[in-house]
């Protein structure tokens, strides 16, 4: 997900996306613990996406 797509989301959409991404990250980490996943860089990408979502969410909360 690109930054421009993240900035276009509203507060509620950001919160929902953040919850779903955190759940996906948790499942990815668990799958990697059991047996190595094919592309471990997905874990890093997921973590960075969560950080971008949190940053945009905080910026929008402060703007309101």
PDB file of N, CA and C in Angstrom:
ATOM      1  N   UNK A   1       0.848  -1.172   0.000  1.00  0.00           N
ATOM      2  CA  UNK A   1       0.000   0.000   0.000  1.00  0.00           C
ATOM      3  C   UNK A   1       0.894   1.237   0.000  1.00  0.00           C
ATOM      4  N   UNK A   2       0.617   2.135  -0.923  1.00  0.00           N
ATOM      5  CA  UNK A   2       1.431   3.342  -1.064  1.00  0.00           C
ATOM      6  C   UNK A   2       1.007   4.404  -0.053  1.00  0.00           C
ATOM      7  N   UNK A   3       1.910   5.335   0.202  1.00  0.00           N
ATOM      8  CA  UNK A   3       1.616   6.414   1.144  1.00  0.00           C
ATOM      9  C   UNK A   3       0.435   7.248   0.687  1.00  0.00           C
ATOM     10  N   UNK A   4       0.309   7.463  -0.625  1.00  0.00           N
ATOM     11  CA  UNK A   4      -0.814   8.252  -1.127  1.00  0.00           C
ATOM     12  C   UNK A   4      -2.145   7.540  -0.853  1.00  0.00           C
ATOM     13  N   UNK A   5      -2.142   6.214  -0.919  1.00  0.00           N
ATOM     14  CA  UNK A   5      -3.353   5.456  -0.610  1.00  0.00           C
ATOM     15  C   UNK A   5      -3.676   5.543   0.869  1.00  0.00           C
ATOM     16  N   UNK A   6      -2.640   5.523   1.710  1.00  0.00           N
ATOM     17  CA  UNK A   6      -2.842   5.615   3.161  1.00  0.00           C
ATOM     18  C   UNK A   6      -3.403   6.984   3.529  1.00  0.00           C
ATOM     19  N   UNK A   7      -2.870   8.046   2.918  1.00  0.00           N
ATOM     20  CA  UNK A   7      -3.322   9.405   3.220  1.00  0.00           C
ATOM     21  C   UNK A   7      -4.767   9.626   2.784  1.00  0.00           C
ATOM     22  N   UNK A   8      -5.241   8.866   1.804  1.00  0.00           N
ATOM     23  CA  UNK A   8      -6.601   9.026   1.307  1.00  0.00           C
ATOM     24  C   UNK A   8      -7.636   8.379   2.230  1.00  0.00           C
ATOM     25  N   UNK A   9      -7.205   7.517   3.134  1.00  0.00           N
ATOM     26  CA  UNK A   9      -8.130   6.829   4.025  1.00  0.00           C
ATOM     27  C   UNK A   9      -8.615   7.758   5.134  1.00  0.00           C
ATOM     28  N   UNK A  10      -9.826   7.494   5.600  1.00  0.00           N
ATOM     29  CA  UNK A  10     -10.374   8.247   6.723  1.00  0.00           C
ATOM     30  C   UNK A  10      -9.941   7.627   8.043  1.00  0.00           C
ATOM     31  N   UNK A  11     -10.317   8.247   9.149  1.00  0.00           N
ATOM     32  CA  UNK A  11      -9.929   7.750  10.475  1.00  0.00           C
ATOM     33  C   UNK A  11     -10.425   6.331  10.735  1.00  0.00           C
ATOM     34  N   UNK A  12     -11.704   6.090  10.466  1.00  0.00           N
ATOM     35  CA  UNK A  12     -12.265   4.765  10.721  1.00  0.00           C
ATOM     36  C   UNK A  12     -11.614   3.710   9.830  1.00  0.00           C
ATOM     37  N   UNK A  13     -11.390   4.064   8.577  1.00  0.00           N
ATOM     38  CA  UNK A  13     -10.750   3.123   7.655  1.00  0.00           C
ATOM     39  C   UNK A  13      -9.322   2.810   8.100  1.00  0.00           C
ATOM     40  N   UNK A  14      -8.610   3.839   8.579  1.00  0.00           N
ATOM     41  CA  UNK A  14      -7.247   3.639   9.072  1.00  0.00           C
ATOM     42  C   UNK A  14      -7.234   2.690  10.265  1.00  0.00           C
ATOM     43  N   UNK A  15      -8.165   2.881  11.173  1.00  0.00           N
ATOM     44  CA  UNK A  15      -8.223   2.029  12.362  1.00  0.00           C
ATOM     45  C   UNK A  15      -8.522   0.586  11.974  1.00  0.00           C
ATOM     46  N   UNK A  16      -9.453   0.390  11.043  1.00  0.00           N
ATOM     47  CA  UNK A  16      -9.796  -0.960  10.597  1.00  0.00           C
ATOM     48  C   UNK A  16      -8.619  -1.608   9.880  1.00  0.00           C
ATOM     49  N   UNK A  17      -7.960  -0.860   9.035  1.00  0.00           N
ATOM     50  CA  UNK A  17      -6.806  -1.379   8.289  1.00  0.00           C
ATOM     51  C   UNK A  17      -5.674  -1.727   9.250  1.00  0.00           C
ATOM     52  N   UNK A  18      -5.474  -0.903  10.264  1.00  0.00           N
ATOM     53  CA  UNK A  18      -4.421  -1.146  11.253  1.00  0.00           C
ATOM     54  C   UNK A  18      -4.687  -2.443  12.015  1.00  0.00           C
ATOM     55  N   UNK A  19      -5.919  -2.665  12.414  1.00  0.00           N
ATOM     56  CA  UNK A  19      -6.268  -3.890  13.130  1.00  0.00           C
ATOM     57  C   UNK A  19      -6.048  -5.109  12.245  1.00  0.00           C
ATOM     58  N   UNK A  20      -6.484  -5.037  10.998  1.00  0.00           N
ATOM     59  CA  UNK A  20      -6.319  -6.180  10.097  1.00  0.00           C
ATOM     60  C   UNK A  20      -4.848  -6.441   9.777  1.00  0.00           C
ATOM     61  N   UNK A  21      -4.058  -5.391   9.618  1.00  0.00           N
ATOM     62  CA  UNK A  21      -2.631  -5.569   9.331  1.00  0.00           C
ATOM     63  C   UNK A  21      -1.884  -6.134  10.533  1.00  0.00           C
ATOM     64  N   UNK A  22      -2.254  -5.720  11.734  1.00  0.00           N
ATOM     65  CA  UNK A  22      -1.625  -6.274  12.932  1.00  0.00           C
ATOM     66  C   UNK A  22      -1.930  -7.761  13.058  1.00  0.00           C
ATOM     67  N   UNK A  23      -3.158  -8.144  12.746  1.00  0.00           N
ATOM     68  CA  UNK A  23      -3.539  -9.554  12.785  1.00  0.00           C
ATOM     69  C   UNK A  23      -2.768 -10.351  11.732  1.00  0.00           C
ATOM     70  N   UNK A  24      -2.641  -9.795  10.536  1.00  0.00           N
ATOM     71  CA  UNK A  24      -1.890 -10.475   9.476  1.00  0.00           C
ATOM     72  C   UNK A  24      -0.419 -10.602   9.852  1.00  0.00           C
ATOM     73  N   UNK A  25       0.139  -9.572  10.484  1.00  0.00           N
ATOM     74  CA  UNK A  25       1.530  -9.602  10.934  1.00  0.00           C
ATOM     75  C   UNK A  25       1.732 -10.679  11.989  1.00  0.00           C
ATOM     76  N   UNK A  26       0.786 -10.781  12.919  1.00  0.00           N
ATOM     77  CA  UNK A  26       0.880 -11.791  13.967  1.00  0.00           C
ATOM     78  C   UNK A  26       0.849 -13.203  13.377  1.00  0.00           C
ATOM     79  N   UNK A  27      -0.040 -13.425  12.412  1.00  0.00           N
ATOM     80  CA  UNK A  27      -0.126 -14.732  11.760  1.00  0.00           C
ATOM     81  C   UNK A  27       1.135 -15.043  10.967  1.00  0.00           C
ATOM     82  N   UNK A  28       1.690 -14.028  10.308  1.00  0.00           N
ATOM     83  CA  UNK A  28       2.912 -14.206   9.524  1.00  0.00           C
ATOM     84  C   UNK A  28       4.079 -14.579  10.433  1.00  0.00           C
ATOM     85  N   UNK A  29       4.200 -13.901  11.559  1.00  0.00           N
ATOM     86  CA  UNK A  29       5.268 -14.206  12.511  1.00  0.00           C
ATOM     87  C   UNK A  29       5.116 -15.629  13.058  1.00  0.00           C
ATOM     88  N   UNK A  30       3.879 -16.014  13.360  1.00  0.00           N
ATOM     89  CA  UNK A  30       3.627 -17.348  13.888  1.00  0.00           C
ATOM     90  C   UNK A  30       3.977 -18.414  12.851  1.00  0.00           C
ATOM     91  N   UNK A  31       3.580 -18.186  11.604  1.00  0.00           N
ATOM     92  CA  UNK A  31       3.891 -19.140  10.530  1.00  0.00           C
ATOM     93  C   UNK A  31       5.398 -19.258  10.331  1.00  0.00           C
ATOM     94  N   UNK A  32       6.100 -18.159  10.479  1.00  0.00           N
ATOM     95  CA  UNK A  32       7.556 -18.167  10.310  1.00  0.00           C
ATOM     96  C   UNK A  32       8.239 -18.899  11.466  1.00  0.00           C
ATOM     97  N   UNK A  33       7.661 -18.827  12.658  1.00  0.00           N
ATOM     98  CA  UNK A  33       8.217 -19.539  13.813  1.00  0.00           C
ATOM     99  C   UNK A  33       8.109 -21.048  13.626  1.00  0.00           C
ATOM    100  N   UNK A  34       6.992 -21.498  13.079  1.00  0.00           N
ATOM    101  CA  UNK A  34       6.759 -22.926  12.902  1.00  0.00           C
ATOM    102  C   UNK A  34       7.649 -23.490  11.797  1.00  0.00           C
ATOM    103  N   UNK A  35       7.569 -22.895  10.641  1.00  0.00           N
ATOM    104  CA  UNK A  35       8.433 -23.307   9.531  1.00  0.00           C
ATOM    105  C   UNK A  35       8.765 -22.056   8.734  1.00  0.00           C
ATOM    106  N   UNK A  36       9.993 -21.900   8.303  1.00  0.00           N
ATOM    107  CA  UNK A  36      10.385 -20.677   7.595  1.00  0.00           C
ATOM    108  C   UNK A  36       9.509 -20.411   6.372  1.00  0.00           C
ATOM    109  N   UNK A  37       9.018 -19.182   6.289  1.00  0.00           N
ATOM    110  CA  UNK A  37       8.201 -18.823   5.138  1.00  0.00           C
ATOM    111  C   UNK A  37       9.102 -18.570   3.940  1.00  0.00           C
ATOM    112  N   UNK A  38       8.510 -18.615   2.760  1.00  0.00           N
ATOM    113  CA  UNK A  38       9.284 -18.509   1.521  1.00  0.00           C
ATOM    114  C   UNK A  38       9.990 -17.165   1.391  1.00  0.00           C
ATOM    115  N   UNK A  39       9.284 -16.088   1.752  1.00  0.00           N
ATOM    116  CA  UNK A  39       9.865 -14.760   1.630  1.00  0.00           C
ATOM    117  C   UNK A  39       9.808 -14.047   2.988  1.00  0.00           C
ATOM    118  N   UNK A  40      10.861 -14.143   3.782  1.00  0.00           N
ATOM    119  CA  UNK A  40      10.833 -13.521   5.104  1.00  0.00           C
ATOM    120  C   UNK A  40      10.807 -11.996   5.061  1.00  0.00           C
ATOM    121  N   UNK A  41      11.070 -11.384   3.919  1.00  0.00           N
ATOM    122  CA  UNK A  41      10.992  -9.927   3.797  1.00  0.00           C
ATOM    123  C   UNK A  41       9.558  -9.427   3.952  1.00  0.00           C
ATOM    124  N   UNK A  42       8.578 -10.324   3.805  1.00  0.00           N
ATOM    125  CA  UNK A  42       7.183  -9.934   4.009  1.00  0.00           C
ATOM    126  C   UNK A  42       6.949  -9.475   5.441  1.00  0.00           C
ATOM    127  N   UNK A  43       7.700 -10.049   6.385  1.00  0.00           N
ATOM    128  CA  UNK A  43       7.562  -9.656   7.785  1.00  0.00           C
ATOM    129  C   UNK A  43       7.982  -8.199   7.945  1.00  0.00           C
ATOM    130  N   UNK A  44       9.102  -7.839   7.351  1.00  0.00           N
ATOM    131  CA  UNK A  44       9.587  -6.455   7.438  1.00  0.00           C
ATOM    132  C   UNK A  44       8.618  -5.499   6.755  1.00  0.00           C
ATOM    133  N   UNK A  45       8.127  -5.876   5.576  1.00  0.00           N
ATOM    134  CA  UNK A  45       7.189  -5.023   4.845  1.00  0.00           C
ATOM    135  C   UNK A  45       5.914  -4.802   5.654  1.00  0.00           C
ATOM    136  N   UNK A  46       5.443  -5.860   6.293  1.00  0.00           N
ATOM    137  CA  UNK A  46       4.232  -5.763   7.103  1.00  0.00           C
ATOM    138  C   UNK A  46       4.448  -4.835   8.293  1.00  0.00           C
ATOM    139  N   UNK A  47       5.593  -4.954   8.943  1.00  0.00           N
ATOM    140  CA  UNK A  47       5.910  -4.115  10.091  1.00  0.00           C
ATOM    141  C   UNK A  47       5.994  -2.645   9.682  1.00  0.00           C
ATOM    142  N   UNK A  48       6.593  -2.385   8.532  1.00  0.00           N
ATOM    143  CA  UNK A  48       6.710  -1.003   8.056  1.00  0.00           C
ATOM    144  C   UNK A  48       5.352  -0.430   7.667  1.00  0.00           C
ATOM    145  N   UNK A  49       4.493  -1.267   7.090  1.00  0.00           N
ATOM    146  CA  UNK A  49       3.145  -0.807   6.740  1.00  0.00           C
ATOM    147  C   UNK A  49       2.369  -0.432   7.994  1.00  0.00           C
ATOM    148  N   UNK A  50       2.509  -1.238   9.039  1.00  0.00           N
ATOM    149  CA  UNK A  50       1.835  -0.928  10.307  1.00  0.00           C
ATOM    150  C   UNK A  50       2.335   0.405  10.848  1.00  0.00           C
ATOM    151  N   UNK A  51       3.632   0.642  10.772  1.00  0.00           N
ATOM    152  CA  UNK A  51       4.201   1.903  11.254  1.00  0.00           C
ATOM    153  C   UNK A  51       3.680   3.088  10.452  1.00  0.00           C
ATOM    154  N   UNK A  52       3.580   2.930   9.129  1.00  0.00           N
ATOM    155  CA  UNK A  52       3.048   4.019   8.301  1.00  0.00           C
ATOM    156  C   UNK A  52       1.588   4.301   8.635  1.00  0.00           C
ATOM    157  N   UNK A  53       0.812   3.235   8.863  1.00  0.00           N
ATOM    158  CA  UNK A  53      -0.593   3.414   9.233  1.00  0.00           C
ATOM    159  C   UNK A  53      -0.716   4.130  10.576  1.00  0.00           C
ATOM    160  N   UNK A  54       0.097   3.743  11.539  1.00  0.00           N
ATOM    161  CA  UNK A  54       0.050   4.390  12.850  1.00  0.00           C
ATOM    162  C   UNK A  54       0.459   5.853  12.760  1.00  0.00           C
ATOM    163  N   UNK A  55       1.451   6.150  11.949  1.00  0.00           N
ATOM    164  CA  UNK A  55       1.907   7.528  11.788  1.00  0.00           C
ATOM    165  C   UNK A  55       0.806   8.395  11.182  1.00  0.00           C
ATOM    166  N   UNK A  56       0.169   7.892  10.147  1.00  0.00           N
ATOM    167  CA  UNK A  56      -0.904   8.663   9.496  1.00  0.00           C
ATOM    168  C   UNK A  56      -2.106   8.809  10.425  1.00  0.00           C
ATOM    169  N   UNK A  57      -2.420   7.760  11.165  1.00  0.00           N
ATOM    170  CA  UNK A  57      -3.526   7.821  12.117  1.00  0.00           C
ATOM    171  C   UNK A  57      -3.269   8.885  13.169  1.00  0.00           C
ATOM    172  N   UNK A  58      -2.074   8.925  13.704  1.00  0.00           N
ATOM    173  CA  UNK A  58      -1.714   9.916  14.721  1.00  0.00           C
ATOM    174  C   UNK A  58      -1.772  11.341  14.136  1.00  0.00           C
ATOM    175  N   UNK A  59      -1.286  11.506  12.915  1.00  0.00           N
ATOM    176  CA  UNK A  59      -1.312  12.823  12.274  1.00  0.00           C
ATOM    177  C   UNK A  59      -2.738  13.310  12.085  1.00  0.00           C
ATOM    178  N   UNK A  60      -3.639  12.406  11.682  1.00  0.00           N
ATOM    179  CA  UNK A  60      -5.029  12.801  11.478  1.00  0.00           C
ATOM    180  C   UNK A  60      -5.728  13.085  12.810  1.00  0.00           C
ATOM    181  N   UNK A  61      -5.362  12.334  13.848  1.00  0.00           N
ATOM    182  CA  UNK A  61      -5.955  12.596  15.162  1.00  0.00           C
ATOM    183  C   UNK A  61      -5.526  13.969  15.677  1.00  0.00           C
ATOM    184  N   UNK A  62      -4.274  14.319  15.470  1.00  0.00           N
ATOM    185  CA  UNK A  62      -3.789  15.623  15.919  1.00  0.00           C
ATOM    186  C   UNK A  62      -4.379  16.770  15.093  1.00  0.00           C
ATOM    187  N   UNK A  63      -4.663  16.508  13.829  1.00  0.00           N
ATOM    188  CA  UNK A  63      -5.239  17.537  12.964  1.00  0.00           C
ATOM    189  C   UNK A  63      -6.684  17.857  13.355  1.00  0.00           C
ATOM    190  N   UNK A  64      -7.375  16.890  13.914  1.00  0.00           N
ATOM    191  CA  UNK A  64      -8.788  17.111  14.293  1.00  0.00           C
ATOM    192  C   UNK A  64      -8.905  17.699  15.615  1.00  0.00           C
TER     193      UNK A  64
END
